Amino acid sequence: MGGGARYPYPKHVWSPSGGWWSRPANWRANTVVTFAGMFAIAYGVWSVSADREVRHIQPDRPIPSMMWAKQYKNQSQES
């Protein structure tokens, strides 16, 4: 009930996932760094998108992007 013993494998084969029986000791740190990088990129894209968002036709009811879009933040401060 375990699939058998580990067998010899070719050492010259490269795999982006780590190859056969890959269990790196620092997988937790690698995961944290990867998610931090993904979060930083997503936050940057979100910020640029919110700064550049402009609605030429005003919505007839409140929509979620009105909370962070620069166009509506400026209108609420002027009123």
C-alpha atoms as a PDB file:
ATOM      1  CA  MET A   1       0.000   0.000   0.000  1.00  0.00           C
ATOM      2  CA  GLY A   2       2.535   2.584  -0.973  1.00  0.00           C
ATOM      3  CA  GLY A   3       3.304   2.100  -4.610  1.00  0.00           C
ATOM      4  CA  GLY A   4       6.576   0.291  -4.102  1.00  0.00           C
ATOM      5  CA  ALA A   5      10.109   1.434  -3.538  1.00  0.00           C
ATOM      6  CA  ARG A   6      11.695   4.370  -5.285  1.00  0.00           C
ATOM      7  CA  TYR A   7      13.359   3.343  -8.509  1.00  0.00           C
ATOM      8  CA  PRO A   8      16.429   4.851 -10.187  1.00  0.00           C
ATOM      9  CA  TYR A   9      15.614   7.720 -12.524  1.00  0.00           C
ATOM     10  CA  PRO A  10      17.591   9.607 -15.163  1.00  0.00           C
ATOM     11  CA  LYS A  11      19.518  12.521 -13.625  1.00  0.00           C
ATOM     12  CA  HIS A  12      19.755  14.459 -16.902  1.00  0.00           C
ATOM     13  CA  VAL A  13      15.993  15.058 -17.127  1.00  0.00           C
ATOM     14  CA  TRP A  14      15.006  18.546 -15.956  1.00  0.00           C
ATOM     15  CA  SER A  15      11.528  19.288 -14.656  1.00  0.00           C
ATOM     16  CA  PRO A  16      10.116  22.666 -13.548  1.00  0.00           C
ATOM     17  CA  SER A  17       8.230  20.931 -10.735  1.00  0.00           C
ATOM     18  CA  GLY A  18      11.388  19.432  -9.269  1.00  0.00           C
ATOM     19  CA  GLY A  19      11.427  16.018 -10.873  1.00  0.00           C
ATOM     20  CA  TRP A  20      10.935  12.679  -9.241  1.00  0.00           C
ATOM     21  CA  TRP A  21      10.113  12.641  -5.514  1.00  0.00           C
ATOM     22  CA  SER A  22      10.767  16.298  -5.005  1.00  0.00           C
ATOM     23  CA  ARG A  23      10.324  17.443  -1.421  1.00  0.00           C
ATOM     24  CA  PRO A  24      12.441  20.534  -0.911  1.00  0.00           C
ATOM     25  CA  ALA A  25      13.186  21.360   2.707  1.00  0.00           C
ATOM     26  CA  ASN A  26      12.246  25.026   2.273  1.00  0.00           C
ATOM     27  CA  TRP A  27       8.892  24.566   0.515  1.00  0.00           C
ATOM     28  CA  ARG A  28       7.085  26.712   3.089  1.00  0.00           C
ATOM     29  CA  ALA A  29       9.432  29.659   2.570  1.00  0.00           C
ATOM     30  CA  ASN A  30       9.189  29.255  -1.209  1.00  0.00           C
ATOM     31  CA  THR A  31       5.391  29.294  -0.958  1.00  0.00           C
ATOM     32  CA  VAL A  32       5.373  32.441   1.198  1.00  0.00           C
ATOM     33  CA  VAL A  33       7.740  34.256  -1.175  1.00  0.00           C
ATOM     34  CA  THR A  34       5.665  33.228  -4.195  1.00  0.00           C
ATOM     35  CA  PHE A  35       2.385  34.403  -2.665  1.00  0.00           C
ATOM     36  CA  ALA A  36       3.973  37.656  -1.500  1.00  0.00           C
ATOM     37  CA  GLY A  37       5.173  38.310  -5.050  1.00  0.00           C
ATOM     38  CA  MET A  38       1.757  37.498  -6.492  1.00  0.00           C
ATOM     39  CA  PHE A  39       0.098  39.816  -3.960  1.00  0.00           C
ATOM     40  CA  ALA A  40       2.521  42.650  -4.762  1.00  0.00           C
ATOM     41  CA  ILE A  41       1.873  42.342  -8.495  1.00  0.00           C
ATOM     42  CA  ALA A  42      -1.905  42.139  -8.005  1.00  0.00           C
ATOM     43  CA  TYR A  43      -1.835  45.201  -5.736  1.00  0.00           C
ATOM     44  CA  GLY A  44       0.171  47.147  -8.306  1.00  0.00           C
ATOM     45  CA  VAL A  45      -2.237  46.244 -11.101  1.00  0.00           C
ATOM     46  CA  TRP A  46      -5.203  47.115  -8.846  1.00  0.00           C
ATOM     47  CA  SER A  47      -3.727  50.529  -7.993  1.00  0.00           C
ATOM     48  CA  VAL A  48      -2.959  51.448 -11.591  1.00  0.00           C
ATOM     49  CA  SER A  49      -6.419  50.293 -12.666  1.00  0.00           C
ATOM     50  CA  ALA A  50      -8.166  52.323  -9.949  1.00  0.00           C
ATOM     51  CA  ASP A  51      -6.139  55.440 -10.825  1.00  0.00           C
ATOM     52  CA  ARG A  52      -6.980  55.194 -14.527  1.00  0.00           C
ATOM     53  CA  GLU A  53     -10.631  54.179 -14.238  1.00  0.00           C
ATOM     54  CA  VAL A  54     -13.002  56.724 -15.780  1.00  0.00           C
ATOM     55  CA  ARG A  55     -16.696  56.194 -16.389  1.00  0.00           C
ATOM     56  CA  HIS A  56     -18.128  58.340 -19.151  1.00  0.00           C
ATOM     57  CA  ILE A  57     -21.691  57.182 -18.453  1.00  0.00           C
ATOM     58  CA  GLN A  58     -22.519  57.477 -14.781  1.00  0.00           C
ATOM     59  CA  PRO A  59     -24.062  54.383 -13.164  1.00  0.00           C
ATOM     60  CA  ASP A  60     -27.654  54.703 -12.003  1.00  0.00           C
ATOM     61  CA  ARG A  61     -26.897  52.954  -8.700  1.00  0.00           C
ATOM     62  CA  PRO A  62     -23.791  52.656  -6.523  1.00  0.00           C
ATOM     63  CA  ILE A  63     -21.251  50.102  -7.739  1.00  0.00           C
ATOM     64  CA  PRO A  64     -18.274  48.679  -5.796  1.00  0.00           C
ATOM     65  CA  SER A  65     -15.583  50.411  -7.853  1.00  0.00           C
ATOM     66  CA  MET A  66     -16.956  53.794  -6.737  1.00  0.00           C
ATOM     67  CA  MET A  67     -15.282  53.155  -3.367  1.00  0.00           C
ATOM     68  CA  TRP A  68     -11.752  53.187  -4.808  1.00  0.00           C
ATOM     69  CA  ALA A  69     -11.934  54.954  -8.190  1.00  0.00           C
ATOM     70  CA  LYS A  70     -10.244  58.352  -8.197  1.00  0.00           C
ATOM     71  CA  GLN A  71     -13.107  59.877 -10.203  1.00  0.00           C
ATOM     72  CA  TYR A  72     -15.611  59.278  -7.387  1.00  0.00           C
ATOM     73  CA  LYS A  73     -13.255  60.020  -4.502  1.00  0.00           C
ATOM     74  CA  ASN A  74     -12.711  63.507  -5.918  1.00  0.00           C
ATOM     75  CA  GLN A  75     -16.473  64.058  -6.377  1.00  0.00           C
ATOM     76  CA  SER A  76     -17.287  63.052  -2.808  1.00  0.00           C
ATOM     77  CA  GLN A  77     -14.667  65.439  -1.411  1.00  0.00           C
ATOM     78  CA  GLU A  78     -15.913  68.374  -3.529  1.00  0.00           C
ATOM     79  CA  SER A  79     -19.535  67.962  -2.429  1.00  0.00           C
END
